[in-house]
Amino acid sequence: MMATRTTAAAAAAAAARLLLSSRKLASARHLSSCPITSSSNSQSSFTSSSNHANVRLRHIPSLPYLGSLIPQYSSISTFGPTTYYDFYPTIRKRYGDFYSIGVPGLGKGSHGTMYVITDANEMQKVIRQERASQPYPRGVVESEWPLVHWLRSKNSILGKGTNDAEDAMGFAGRGETWKRVRNFLQTDMLSPQSAHGYIPIMAHAAQLASVGAPSSTADLNAYTNRCSFDLFTALMFGSLSKMADPSTGRDAENIEFCNAAVHGMDQMLKQMTSPLHVILYKFGFTSGMYHEMAKAFETAFGIAEKKYVHFRQRYENGELTEAEQSSYLGRAILRQEEDESIREEELAEIIKVALTAAIDTTSSLLSWNMLHLALNPEVQETLHAELVESTTKHGGLNAESLRKANFPYLHAVLRETHRLTPAAPLTIFKENALSDLEIHGSIIPKNSLIVLDAHSVGIDPDMVDNPQEFNPQRWFPDSIVKRKGTPAEILDHPYYRDAFSQGSRKCPGSRVANNVVLLLISQWVLDWKMSVPIGYGWGDVTYCMHGMVHPDLPEITFEKRN
């Protein structure tokens, strides 16, 4: 045992030395202009998605436990939280539309191997071979090993299931625990009818949150986190937390929850993409970063549990308001009492993880949309005109007015934001668990991880005119028609549309998360004329990956509209 730990420590130390050496030798990549402008270290020509007949599998060099993330060995760009938008497009310039790469903590095996494709039609092959029986489809949570390890240490059903091989990871796995919990979780959330039912109280929460924008300019990233919290707690509990407005959002516990949830996700991702932390995990060690993540999640889950217990007690005492009874949790408690497959303590776990996970993803979408609108006043004014017309016609922000047919420009703005600055450039993580699979003419072995890069094609100048320009009209019907029959029509594939994955492991909260963004963006534009500081432009934008990719928002000015 001592010899094993000594060997593990030596391996970890060697990895640390190699990483430090790499950092000294590799010049840091800084964002001096556009945050997604690629600077390739290869002189080879660009491999366009239009040349599908010539697409072949290429392999990026990788090392055990270090993968392809050591630039001196793999000859690819440095991977980091401030270069994430640059990383995959730069690789695509050299290796084309289909390649294998080692990313320990995300990929499979000691090298962390995953196969990256950019053609959504090829990704459809992976999803089509999934089935509604064991082994169930893989979800991205399976790669989130720091979180799963922590959940298992807490004996949570979300990280620990039965002794069955497919079920060992509980909700994070692909066995009956996942199927059972997933079916319960998505009920009253994923269907359009269910999601629309929460819009009235969420719209009210958005109105209150918008009031706090002008007084939050010193830290708008924290503001969008709290906006996300306000709308998710509105649908979850049927109550208004009023966190986003500094004049009302002074509940210390809610502030602590938001900060802990976001920090925990940040620390989780940093471990997942660090070869050193992967090595430590493989040899049974936990790092200071892991313990920091665990402390943050302990805080967030503890606060979420208090909210759940308080709500449950009021339910049992018959004290819930009509709005609370109609909330997700109000309905879930009724369903749980009639559904013997879900225990009360499991429902509590579902609520804790759902509320904790909801903040970061949605706040990233909010922040990027806010920034693009502030940078593009003409887009903002066009959207304002549409919002005024639609809300006047349909009686305010409601389920009818938010329909794409009534808000086409708003939906085009969200789609263009996702094209240029997605919350997560890699949108779909899947595994061919049933058999070998043919992708672009190559046979991918069974149980491989296959990932869709939905970002690189969207900023390819061969596919998109002026790709760094923010232009929502790209998604108007006439533009879509013009792309039909051309290589660029792949841009309109549903798999490129949003950051919520596809198939049966699609984010169960995707529809309500989308409504959160629609409501808040609409309310901001109706209330305020947003503008960036004088002299600030697209080339000044920086970002960092904290769970999801967030822009470093400048001090945007909010001028009250008449």
Protein backbone atom coordinates (compact mmCIF):
# COMPACT_ATOMS: atom_id res chain seq x y z
CA MET A 1 0.00 0.00 0.00
CA MET A 2 2.82 2.39 0.92
CA ALA A 3 4.67 1.52 -2.28
CA THR A 4 1.56 2.24 -4.34
CA ARG A 5 1.07 5.63 -2.75
CA THR A 6 4.78 6.43 -3.19
CA THR A 7 4.55 5.55 -6.87
CA ALA A 8 1.37 7.63 -7.19
CA ALA A 9 3.00 10.59 -5.50
CA ALA A 10 6.02 10.30 -7.78
CA ALA A 11 3.78 10.17 -10.84
CA ALA A 12 1.83 13.18 -9.65
CA ALA A 13 5.05 15.08 -8.95
CA ALA A 14 6.42 14.24 -12.39
CA ALA A 15 3.20 15.41 -13.99
CA ALA A 16 3.37 18.63 -12.03
CA ARG A 17 6.95 19.25 -13.18
CA LEU A 18 5.97 18.58 -16.78
CA LEU A 19 3.02 20.93 -16.55
CA LEU A 20 5.12 23.69 -14.99
CA SER A 21 7.77 23.21 -17.66
CA SER A 22 5.12 23.46 -20.36
CA ARG A 23 3.77 26.67 -18.92
CA LYS A 24 7.24 28.20 -18.89
CA LEU A 25 7.98 27.15 -22.45
CA ALA A 26 4.59 27.97 -23.96
CA SER A 27 3.69 31.60 -24.33
CA ALA A 28 0.36 32.42 -22.74
CA ARG A 29 -2.51 33.02 -25.13
CA HIS A 30 -4.13 36.39 -24.39
CA LEU A 31 -7.24 37.89 -25.96
CA SER A 32 -5.91 41.06 -27.53
CA SER A 33 -8.65 41.32 -30.13
CA CYS A 34 -11.72 39.20 -30.80
CA PRO A 35 -12.25 36.50 -28.16
CA ILE A 36 -12.82 33.80 -30.74
CA THR A 37 -10.29 34.74 -33.40
CA SER A 38 -8.11 31.70 -34.06
CA SER A 39 -4.35 31.83 -34.48
CA SER A 40 -3.19 28.50 -35.81
CA ASN A 41 0.26 27.07 -35.16
CA SER A 42 -0.02 25.10 -38.38
CA GLN A 43 0.56 26.14 -41.96
CA SER A 44 -1.75 23.50 -43.37
CA SER A 45 -4.87 24.55 -45.25
CA PHE A 46 -8.31 24.79 -43.73
CA THR A 47 -10.46 21.68 -44.04
CA SER A 48 -13.96 22.92 -44.77
CA SER A 49 -17.11 21.03 -43.83
CA SER A 50 -18.03 21.27 -47.51
CA ASN A 51 -15.46 18.57 -48.33
CA HIS A 52 -17.25 15.71 -46.59
CA ALA A 53 -16.03 13.18 -49.14
CA ASN A 54 -12.46 13.94 -48.08
CA VAL A 55 -13.07 13.85 -44.34
CA ARG A 56 -10.91 11.27 -42.62
CA LEU A 57 -10.07 10.47 -39.04
CA ARG A 58 -6.86 12.05 -37.78
CA HIS A 59 -5.19 11.52 -34.42
CA ILE A 60 -3.66 14.20 -32.22
CA PRO A 61 -0.67 12.84 -30.26
CA SER A 62 -1.44 12.14 -26.60
CA LEU A 63 0.21 10.82 -23.45
CA PRO A 64 -1.20 8.68 -20.62
CA TYR A 65 -2.96 10.85 -18.01
CA LEU A 66 -1.79 14.00 -19.81
CA GLY A 67 -3.64 13.46 -23.07
CA SER A 68 -3.01 16.02 -25.79
CA LEU A 69 -2.85 18.98 -23.41
CA ILE A 70 0.94 19.34 -23.37
CA PRO A 71 1.60 21.65 -26.37
CA GLN A 72 5.28 20.66 -26.68
CA TYR A 73 4.20 17.06 -27.32
CA SER A 74 0.93 17.42 -29.22
CA SER A 75 1.76 20.65 -31.12
CA ILE A 76 -1.70 22.07 -30.52
CA SER A 77 -2.74 25.26 -28.78
CA THR A 78 -2.75 25.71 -25.03
CA PHE A 79 -6.01 24.66 -23.43
CA GLY A 80 -7.28 27.05 -20.80
CA PRO A 81 -10.34 28.83 -19.40
CA THR A 82 -9.50 32.06 -21.25
CA THR A 83 -8.74 30.40 -24.61
CA TYR A 84 -11.65 27.98 -24.83
CA TYR A 85 -13.36 29.56 -27.85
CA ASP A 86 -10.02 29.56 -29.65
CA PHE A 87 -9.01 25.99 -28.82
CA TYR A 88 -11.23 23.79 -31.00
CA PRO A 89 -11.43 26.08 -34.07
CA THR A 90 -7.61 26.22 -34.11
CA ILE A 91 -7.38 22.44 -33.95
CA ARG A 92 -9.92 22.14 -36.74
CA LYS A 93 -7.73 24.25 -39.01
CA ARG A 94 -5.01 21.64 -38.75
CA TYR A 95 -6.87 18.37 -38.25
CA GLY A 96 -10.13 18.99 -40.06
CA ASP A 97 -13.66 17.90 -39.22
CA PHE A 98 -12.93 14.55 -37.57
CA TYR A 99 -10.14 13.78 -35.13
CA SER A 100 -9.30 12.09 -31.87
CA ILE A 101 -7.85 14.09 -28.97
CA GLY A 102 -6.81 13.24 -25.45
CA VAL A 103 -8.55 15.33 -22.78
CA PRO A 104 -8.11 13.60 -19.41
CA GLY A 105 -11.11 14.00 -17.18
CA LEU A 106 -13.46 14.30 -20.14
CA GLY A 107 -12.45 11.50 -22.48
CA LYS A 108 -12.06 7.73 -22.06
CA GLY A 109 -9.18 5.62 -20.83
CA SER A 110 -5.77 6.67 -19.55
CA HIS A 111 -5.32 9.11 -22.46
CA GLY A 112 -8.75 10.68 -22.07
CA THR A 113 -9.56 9.89 -25.70
CA MET A 114 -12.57 11.39 -27.38
CA TYR A 115 -13.55 11.62 -31.04
CA VAL A 116 -14.53 15.13 -32.13
CA ILE A 117 -16.81 15.69 -35.12
CA THR A 118 -18.33 18.88 -36.51
CA ASP A 119 -20.99 17.35 -38.77
CA ALA A 120 -24.30 17.10 -36.92
CA ASN A 121 -25.51 14.51 -39.43
CA GLU A 122 -22.72 12.19 -38.30
CA MET A 123 -23.64 12.83 -34.66
CA GLN A 124 -27.17 11.71 -35.51
CA LYS A 125 -25.76 8.25 -36.18
CA VAL A 126 -24.58 8.09 -32.59
CA ILE A 127 -27.90 9.22 -31.14
CA ARG A 128 -29.93 6.94 -33.41
CA GLN A 129 -28.19 3.84 -32.04
CA GLU A 130 -29.25 4.70 -28.50
CA ARG A 131 -32.10 2.66 -27.08
CA ALA A 132 -34.71 2.82 -24.35
CA SER A 133 -33.22 -0.07 -22.37
CA GLN A 134 -29.93 -0.76 -20.62
CA PRO A 135 -27.36 0.40 -21.24
CA TYR A 136 -29.15 3.72 -21.40
CA PRO A 137 -27.50 6.65 -23.24
CA ARG A 138 -24.49 8.44 -21.81
CA GLY A 139 -24.91 11.95 -20.40
CA VAL A 140 -22.30 14.66 -19.90
CA VAL A 141 -22.64 14.29 -16.12
CA GLU A 142 -20.75 11.01 -16.43
CA SER A 143 -17.64 13.02 -17.28
CA GLU A 144 -18.08 15.27 -14.26
CA TRP A 145 -16.05 12.93 -12.06
CA PRO A 146 -15.27 15.41 -9.25
CA LEU A 147 -18.99 16.01 -8.67
CA VAL A 148 -19.85 12.32 -9.00
CA HIS A 149 -17.06 11.38 -6.58
CA TRP A 150 -18.35 13.90 -4.06
CA LEU A 151 -21.94 12.71 -4.43
CA ARG A 152 -20.83 9.10 -3.92
CA SER A 153 -18.96 10.11 -0.79
CA LYS A 154 -22.26 11.54 0.51
CA ASN A 155 -24.14 8.32 -0.43
CA SER A 156 -26.39 10.39 -2.68
CA ILE A 157 -28.53 8.55 -5.22
CA LEU A 158 -27.28 11.09 -7.73
CA GLY A 159 -23.82 9.51 -7.59
CA LYS A 160 -24.45 6.03 -6.20
CA GLY A 161 -26.98 3.46 -7.35
CA THR A 162 -27.10 -0.32 -7.04
CA ASN A 163 -24.48 -3.05 -7.50
CA ASP A 164 -25.49 -3.42 -11.14
CA ALA A 165 -22.56 -2.36 -13.35
CA GLU A 166 -24.59 0.11 -15.38
CA ASP A 167 -26.23 1.50 -12.25
CA ALA A 168 -23.17 1.94 -10.01
CA MET A 169 -23.04 5.72 -10.59
CA GLY A 170 -26.72 6.25 -9.81
CA PHE A 171 -28.27 9.19 -11.62
CA ALA A 172 -24.90 9.94 -13.22
CA GLY A 173 -24.81 6.45 -14.73
CA ARG A 174 -26.81 4.55 -17.32
CA GLY A 175 -28.85 2.14 -15.26
CA GLU A 176 -32.32 1.96 -13.78
CA THR A 177 -31.62 4.66 -11.17
CA TRP A 178 -30.98 7.17 -13.95
CA LYS A 179 -34.12 6.12 -15.83
CA ARG A 180 -36.31 6.24 -12.74
CA VAL A 181 -35.06 9.62 -11.47
CA ARG A 182 -34.94 11.15 -14.93
CA ASN A 183 -38.56 10.26 -15.67
CA PHE A 184 -39.63 11.86 -12.42
CA LEU A 185 -37.41 14.94 -12.80
CA GLN A 186 -38.50 15.88 -16.31
CA THR A 187 -42.22 15.55 -15.58
CA ASP A 188 -43.79 19.02 -15.16
CA MET A 189 -40.69 20.62 -16.66
CA LEU A 190 -39.75 19.44 -20.14
CA SER A 191 -43.06 19.52 -22.01
CA PRO A 192 -44.10 22.85 -23.59
CA GLN A 193 -47.39 22.89 -21.67
CA SER A 194 -45.65 22.38 -18.32
CA ALA A 195 -42.94 24.95 -19.04
CA HIS A 196 -45.52 27.54 -20.14
CA GLY A 197 -47.36 27.14 -16.86
CA TYR A 198 -44.47 28.75 -14.97
CA ILE A 199 -44.19 31.78 -17.26
CA PRO A 200 -46.54 34.14 -15.32
CA ILE A 201 -44.58 34.00 -12.06
CA MET A 202 -41.26 33.94 -13.94
CA ALA A 203 -42.31 37.04 -15.88
CA HIS A 204 -43.10 38.76 -12.57
CA ALA A 205 -39.67 37.73 -11.25
CA ALA A 206 -38.05 39.12 -14.42
CA GLN A 207 -39.77 42.49 -13.92
CA LEU A 208 -38.40 42.71 -10.39
CA ALA A 209 -34.93 41.54 -11.45
CA SER A 210 -34.70 44.10 -14.25
CA VAL A 211 -35.13 46.94 -11.76
CA GLY A 212 -31.76 46.06 -10.23
CA ALA A 213 -29.71 46.34 -13.43
CA PRO A 214 -28.54 50.01 -13.16
CA SER A 215 -27.32 49.58 -9.60
CA SER A 216 -25.46 46.36 -10.43
CA THR A 217 -23.06 47.66 -13.09
CA ALA A 218 -19.99 47.18 -10.88
CA ASP A 219 -20.46 43.39 -11.01
CA LEU A 220 -22.88 42.41 -13.73
CA ASN A 221 -21.72 38.80 -13.76
CA ALA A 222 -22.93 38.42 -10.17
CA TYR A 223 -26.12 40.22 -11.21
CA THR A 224 -26.92 37.71 -13.98
CA ASN A 225 -26.28 34.86 -11.51
CA ARG A 226 -28.88 36.36 -9.20
CA CYS A 227 -31.30 36.96 -12.06
CA SER A 228 -31.05 33.27 -12.91
CA PHE A 229 -31.60 32.38 -9.25
CA ASP A 230 -34.69 34.61 -9.05
CA LEU A 231 -36.43 33.01 -12.00
CA PHE A 232 -35.53 29.43 -11.14
CA THR A 233 -36.69 29.77 -7.54
CA ALA A 234 -39.90 31.31 -8.87
CA LEU A 235 -40.71 28.20 -10.90
CA MET A 236 -39.24 25.79 -8.33
CA PHE A 237 -40.99 27.17 -5.22
CA GLY A 238 -43.64 29.55 -6.59
CA SER A 239 -42.20 32.49 -4.63
CA LEU A 240 -40.25 35.66 -5.43
CA SER A 241 -36.74 35.80 -3.96
CA LYS A 242 -36.06 39.35 -5.30
CA MET A 243 -32.31 38.75 -5.27
CA ALA A 244 -31.27 40.59 -8.44
CA ASP A 245 -32.25 44.05 -7.17
CA PRO A 246 -29.65 45.16 -4.59
CA SER A 247 -32.30 47.21 -2.77
CA THR A 248 -34.31 44.05 -2.00
CA GLY A 249 -31.90 41.15 -2.58
CA ARG A 250 -30.11 41.27 0.74
CA ASP A 251 -30.93 37.80 1.98
CA ALA A 252 -27.50 36.62 3.12
CA GLU A 253 -28.36 32.95 2.69
CA ASN A 254 -29.49 33.40 -0.90
CA ILE A 255 -26.34 35.37 -1.69
CA GLU A 256 -24.27 32.59 -0.14
CA PHE A 257 -26.12 29.98 -2.19
CA CYS A 258 -25.50 31.78 -5.51
CA ASN A 259 -21.83 32.28 -4.78
CA ALA A 260 -21.33 28.70 -3.61
CA ALA A 261 -23.17 27.13 -6.57
CA VAL A 262 -21.13 29.06 -9.14
CA HIS A 263 -17.83 28.54 -7.31
CA GLY A 264 -18.45 24.81 -6.94
CA MET A 265 -19.08 24.43 -10.69
CA ASP A 266 -15.94 26.45 -11.44
CA GLN A 267 -13.74 24.28 -9.22
CA MET A 268 -15.29 21.13 -10.66
CA LEU A 269 -14.47 22.11 -14.25
CA LYS A 270 -10.90 23.12 -13.42
CA GLN A 271 -10.26 19.63 -12.03
CA MET A 272 -11.88 17.94 -15.02
CA THR A 273 -9.52 19.70 -17.46
CA SER A 274 -6.34 19.44 -15.37
CA PRO A 275 -4.07 16.45 -16.12
CA LEU A 276 -2.52 16.78 -12.66
CA HIS A 277 -5.89 16.51 -10.92
CA VAL A 278 -6.88 13.57 -13.12
CA ILE A 279 -3.69 11.75 -12.08
CA LEU A 280 -4.34 12.49 -8.41
CA TYR A 281 -7.89 11.17 -8.74
CA LYS A 282 -6.80 8.01 -10.56
CA PHE A 283 -4.39 7.20 -7.71
CA GLY A 284 -6.93 7.90 -4.99
CA PHE A 285 -5.80 11.37 -3.91
CA THR A 286 -7.98 14.43 -3.47
CA SER A 287 -6.54 17.90 -3.94
CA GLY A 288 -7.10 21.22 -2.26
CA MET A 289 -9.20 22.22 -5.26
CA TYR A 290 -11.41 19.17 -4.75
CA HIS A 291 -11.93 20.07 -1.11
CA GLU A 292 -12.73 23.66 -2.09
CA MET A 293 -15.32 22.36 -4.55
CA ALA A 294 -16.73 20.02 -1.93
CA LYS A 295 -17.03 22.85 0.57
CA ALA A 296 -18.88 25.01 -1.98
CA PHE A 297 -21.29 22.20 -2.89
CA GLU A 298 -21.83 21.38 0.79
CA THR A 299 -22.88 24.99 1.30
CA ALA A 300 -25.14 25.13 -1.76
CA PHE A 301 -26.78 21.75 -1.09
CA GLY A 302 -27.25 22.60 2.58
CA ILE A 303 -29.09 25.82 1.78
CA ALA A 304 -31.16 24.12 -0.92
CA GLU A 305 -32.10 21.38 1.56
CA LYS A 306 -33.27 23.99 4.08
CA LYS A 307 -35.49 25.51 1.42
CA TYR A 308 -36.88 22.09 0.55
CA VAL A 309 -37.58 21.16 4.20
CA HIS A 310 -39.27 24.49 4.89
CA PHE A 311 -41.45 24.12 1.79
CA ARG A 312 -42.34 20.52 2.69
CA GLN A 313 -43.34 21.48 6.23
CA ARG A 314 -45.60 24.24 4.93
CA TYR A 315 -47.11 21.77 2.45
CA GLU A 316 -47.87 19.27 5.22
CA ASN A 317 -49.37 22.05 7.34
CA GLY A 318 -51.62 23.15 4.46
CA GLU A 319 -49.97 26.60 4.33
CA LEU A 320 -48.94 26.78 0.67
CA THR A 321 -50.26 29.63 -1.44
CA GLU A 322 -51.91 28.93 -4.78
CA ALA A 323 -48.68 29.91 -6.57
CA GLU A 324 -46.66 27.55 -4.39
CA GLN A 325 -49.06 24.69 -5.02
CA SER A 326 -48.64 25.26 -8.77
CA SER A 327 -44.84 25.41 -8.53
CA TYR A 328 -42.59 22.59 -9.72
CA LEU A 329 -41.93 21.42 -6.17
CA GLY A 330 -45.61 21.68 -5.21
CA ARG A 331 -46.52 19.40 -8.08
CA ALA A 332 -43.54 17.13 -7.48
CA ILE A 333 -44.56 16.46 -3.89
CA LEU A 334 -48.03 15.41 -5.04
CA ARG A 335 -46.52 13.14 -7.67
CA GLN A 336 -44.01 11.67 -5.23
CA GLU A 337 -46.76 10.73 -2.79
CA GLU A 338 -48.47 8.77 -5.56
CA ASP A 339 -45.30 7.37 -7.16
CA GLU A 340 -43.76 4.52 -5.17
CA SER A 341 -40.64 4.54 -7.37
CA ILE A 342 -39.39 7.82 -5.82
CA ARG A 343 -38.75 8.14 -2.09
CA GLU A 344 -39.13 11.43 -0.24
CA GLU A 345 -35.38 11.70 0.44
CA GLU A 346 -34.71 11.16 -3.26
CA LEU A 347 -37.01 14.03 -4.14
CA ALA A 348 -35.00 16.23 -1.78
CA GLU A 349 -31.79 15.25 -3.61
CA ILE A 350 -33.36 16.02 -6.98
CA ILE A 351 -34.36 19.51 -5.86
CA LYS A 352 -30.92 20.25 -4.41
CA VAL A 353 -28.99 19.32 -7.52
CA ALA A 354 -31.50 20.91 -9.91
CA LEU A 355 -31.38 24.27 -8.16
CA THR A 356 -27.59 24.21 -7.80
CA ALA A 357 -26.95 23.26 -11.44
CA ALA A 358 -29.43 25.74 -12.89
CA ILE A 359 -27.61 28.95 -11.96
CA ASP A 360 -24.37 28.77 -13.95
CA THR A 361 -25.61 27.61 -17.35
CA THR A 362 -28.41 30.14 -17.61
CA SER A 363 -26.40 33.07 -16.28
CA SER A 364 -23.81 32.47 -19.02
CA LEU A 365 -26.53 32.74 -21.68
CA LEU A 366 -27.88 35.89 -20.03
CA SER A 367 -24.48 37.55 -19.83
CA TRP A 368 -23.56 36.92 -23.46
CA ASN A 369 -26.92 38.12 -24.77
CA MET A 370 -26.72 41.27 -22.66
CA LEU A 371 -23.23 42.02 -23.95
CA HIS A 372 -24.07 41.46 -27.62
CA LEU A 373 -27.10 43.74 -27.38
CA ALA A 374 -25.10 46.45 -25.62
CA LEU A 375 -22.40 46.21 -28.29
CA ASN A 376 -24.93 46.39 -31.14
CA PRO A 377 -27.38 49.26 -30.51
CA GLU A 378 -29.06 48.85 -33.90
CA VAL A 379 -29.89 45.24 -33.07
CA GLN A 380 -31.13 46.33 -29.67
CA GLU A 381 -33.46 48.95 -31.17
CA THR A 382 -34.87 46.50 -33.72
CA LEU A 383 -35.54 44.05 -30.92
CA HIS A 384 -37.15 46.76 -28.79
CA ALA A 385 -39.57 47.64 -31.60
CA GLU A 386 -40.56 43.98 -31.96
CA LEU A 387 -41.01 43.59 -28.21
CA VAL A 388 -43.24 46.64 -27.92
CA GLU A 389 -45.41 45.48 -30.83
CA SER A 390 -45.76 41.90 -29.61
CA THR A 391 -46.34 42.67 -25.94
CA THR A 392 -48.92 45.32 -26.85
CA LYS A 393 -50.74 42.87 -29.08
CA HIS A 394 -50.62 39.93 -26.64
CA GLY A 395 -50.97 41.73 -23.32
CA GLY A 396 -47.39 41.68 -22.03
CA LEU A 397 -44.73 39.02 -21.67
CA ASN A 398 -46.57 35.71 -21.59
CA ALA A 399 -46.55 32.29 -23.19
CA GLU A 400 -48.27 33.58 -26.33
CA SER A 401 -46.06 36.60 -26.87
CA LEU A 402 -42.88 34.51 -26.37
CA ARG A 403 -43.74 32.13 -29.21
CA LYS A 404 -41.17 32.23 -32.00
CA ALA A 405 -43.84 33.23 -34.50
CA ASN A 406 -44.55 36.37 -32.47
CA PHE A 407 -40.95 37.13 -31.47
CA PRO A 408 -38.88 36.03 -34.51
CA TYR A 409 -36.17 38.65 -34.01
CA LEU A 410 -35.77 37.81 -30.32
CA HIS A 411 -35.26 34.14 -31.12
CA ALA A 412 -32.82 35.09 -33.90
CA VAL A 413 -30.81 37.15 -31.39
CA LEU A 414 -30.51 34.15 -29.07
CA ARG A 415 -29.50 31.89 -31.96
CA GLU A 416 -26.82 34.34 -33.13
CA THR A 417 -25.47 34.66 -29.59
CA HIS A 418 -25.17 30.88 -29.43
CA ARG A 419 -23.38 30.76 -32.79
CA LEU A 420 -20.77 33.32 -31.85
CA THR A 421 -20.35 32.73 -28.11
CA PRO A 422 -21.94 29.46 -26.95
CA ALA A 423 -22.10 28.75 -23.23
CA ALA A 424 -20.33 25.47 -24.05
CA PRO A 425 -18.56 25.00 -27.43
CA LEU A 426 -18.89 21.21 -27.14
CA THR A 427 -22.63 20.62 -26.92
CA ILE A 428 -23.19 16.85 -27.15
CA PHE A 429 -21.24 14.05 -25.41
CA LYS A 430 -22.30 10.56 -26.51
CA GLU A 431 -21.03 7.01 -26.46
CA ASN A 432 -21.63 4.18 -28.93
CA ALA A 433 -22.37 1.70 -26.15
CA LEU A 434 -24.05 -0.93 -28.34
CA SER A 435 -21.55 -1.59 -31.13
CA ASP A 436 -18.77 -0.26 -33.30
CA LEU A 437 -19.98 2.68 -35.36
CA GLU A 438 -19.04 4.03 -38.78
CA ILE A 439 -18.32 7.79 -38.75
CA HIS A 440 -17.12 9.47 -41.95
CA GLY A 441 -16.11 6.04 -43.28
CA SER A 442 -13.99 5.10 -40.25
CA ILE A 443 -14.99 2.49 -37.69
CA ILE A 444 -15.11 3.85 -34.15
CA PRO A 445 -14.75 1.10 -31.52
CA LYS A 446 -17.65 0.30 -29.23
CA ASN A 447 -17.79 2.34 -26.00
CA SER A 448 -15.93 5.33 -27.44
CA LEU A 449 -16.75 8.91 -26.47
CA ILE A 450 -17.94 10.96 -29.46
CA VAL A 451 -18.35 14.71 -29.12
CA LEU A 452 -19.98 17.35 -31.34
CA ASP A 453 -18.06 20.60 -31.80
CA ALA A 454 -20.96 22.93 -32.59
CA HIS A 455 -18.90 26.11 -32.48
CA SER A 456 -16.11 25.84 -35.06
CA VAL A 457 -18.36 25.53 -38.13
CA GLY A 458 -20.39 28.56 -37.04
CA ILE A 459 -17.35 30.84 -37.21
CA ASP A 460 -15.90 29.32 -40.38
CA PRO A 461 -15.68 32.11 -43.04
CA ASP A 462 -16.32 29.48 -45.72
CA MET A 463 -19.70 28.82 -44.10
CA VAL A 464 -20.66 32.19 -42.62
CA ASP A 465 -20.20 35.63 -44.17
CA ASN A 466 -18.37 38.01 -41.82
CA PRO A 467 -18.42 35.45 -38.99
CA GLN A 468 -17.30 37.96 -36.32
CA GLU A 469 -20.26 40.24 -37.07
CA PHE A 470 -23.31 39.87 -34.82
CA ASN A 471 -26.13 39.55 -37.33
CA PRO A 472 -29.43 37.94 -36.20
CA GLN A 473 -30.80 38.12 -39.74
CA ARG A 474 -28.73 35.04 -40.54
CA TRP A 475 -31.56 33.07 -38.94
CA PHE A 476 -34.45 34.66 -40.82
CA PRO A 477 -36.46 32.31 -43.10
CA ASP A 478 -35.11 33.84 -46.33
CA SER A 479 -31.50 33.31 -45.19
CA ILE A 480 -32.26 29.72 -44.25
CA VAL A 481 -33.82 29.12 -47.67
CA LYS A 482 -30.71 30.51 -49.38
CA ARG A 483 -28.53 28.01 -47.52
CA LYS A 484 -30.60 25.03 -48.69
CA GLY A 485 -28.58 22.77 -50.96
CA THR A 486 -25.27 24.35 -49.95
CA PRO A 487 -22.69 23.13 -47.41
CA ALA A 488 -23.80 25.98 -45.14
CA GLU A 489 -27.24 24.44 -44.63
CA ILE A 490 -25.65 22.34 -41.86
CA LEU A 491 -25.82 25.52 -39.71
CA ASP A 492 -29.59 25.08 -39.49
CA HIS A 493 -29.38 21.57 -38.08
CA PRO A 494 -31.22 21.31 -34.73
CA TYR A 495 -28.06 19.99 -33.05
CA TYR A 496 -26.40 23.40 -33.51
CA ARG A 497 -29.33 25.33 -32.07
CA ASP A 498 -28.56 25.49 -28.34
CA ALA A 499 -26.30 24.30 -25.52
CA PHE A 500 -28.64 21.69 -24.00
CA SER A 501 -27.51 18.51 -25.82
CA GLN A 502 -29.87 16.15 -27.67
CA GLY A 503 -31.57 12.81 -27.28
CA SER A 504 -32.88 11.26 -24.09
CA ARG A 505 -30.06 12.88 -22.05
CA LYS A 506 -30.97 16.38 -23.21
CA CYS A 507 -31.02 18.76 -20.24
CA PRO A 508 -34.41 18.20 -18.55
CA GLY A 509 -34.58 21.88 -17.64
CA SER A 510 -33.75 23.11 -21.14
CA ARG A 511 -37.20 24.44 -21.95
CA VAL A 512 -37.61 26.40 -18.72
CA ALA A 513 -34.01 27.65 -18.99
CA ASN A 514 -34.79 28.96 -22.46
CA ASN A 515 -37.85 30.74 -21.06
CA VAL A 516 -35.68 32.31 -18.35
CA VAL A 517 -33.44 33.82 -21.03
CA LEU A 518 -36.35 34.94 -23.24
CA LEU A 519 -38.08 36.66 -20.34
CA LEU A 520 -35.06 38.45 -18.91
CA ILE A 521 -33.65 39.62 -22.24
CA SER A 522 -37.09 40.89 -23.21
CA GLN A 523 -37.60 42.70 -19.93
CA TRP A 524 -34.16 44.33 -20.05
CA VAL A 525 -34.72 45.63 -23.57
CA LEU A 526 -38.22 46.87 -22.73
CA ASP A 527 -36.93 48.70 -19.64
CA TRP A 528 -33.47 49.90 -20.60
CA LYS A 529 -31.28 51.12 -23.41
CA MET A 530 -28.03 49.26 -22.74
CA SER A 531 -24.66 50.60 -23.88
CA VAL A 532 -21.01 49.71 -23.34
CA PRO A 533 -18.39 52.26 -22.22
CA ILE A 534 -17.15 54.70 -24.86
CA GLY A 535 -14.32 53.16 -26.85
CA TYR A 536 -15.17 49.60 -25.80
CA GLY A 537 -15.68 47.23 -28.73
CA TRP A 538 -15.80 43.59 -29.70
CA GLY A 539 -12.03 43.40 -29.72
CA ASP A 540 -11.95 44.31 -26.03
CA VAL A 541 -14.13 41.39 -24.92
CA THR A 542 -12.52 38.81 -22.66
CA TYR A 543 -14.04 35.74 -21.09
CA CYS A 544 -13.31 32.88 -18.72
CA MET A 545 -14.79 29.43 -18.28
CA HIS A 546 -16.42 29.08 -14.87
CA GLY A 547 -18.44 25.92 -15.30
CA MET A 548 -19.75 27.56 -18.48
CA VAL A 549 -18.06 30.29 -20.54
CA HIS A 550 -18.84 33.73 -19.14
CA PRO A 551 -17.84 37.11 -20.59
CA ASP A 552 -16.06 39.54 -18.30
CA LEU A 553 -18.88 42.06 -18.50
CA PRO A 554 -17.85 45.74 -18.59
CA GLU A 555 -19.78 48.44 -16.73
CA ILE A 556 -22.76 48.56 -19.07
CA THR A 557 -24.92 51.67 -18.80
CA PHE A 558 -28.69 51.20 -18.40
CA GLU A 559 -30.69 54.21 -19.58
CA LYS A 560 -34.39 54.15 -18.70
CA ARG A 561 -36.68 53.98 -21.74
CA ASN A 562 -39.74 56.18 -21.92
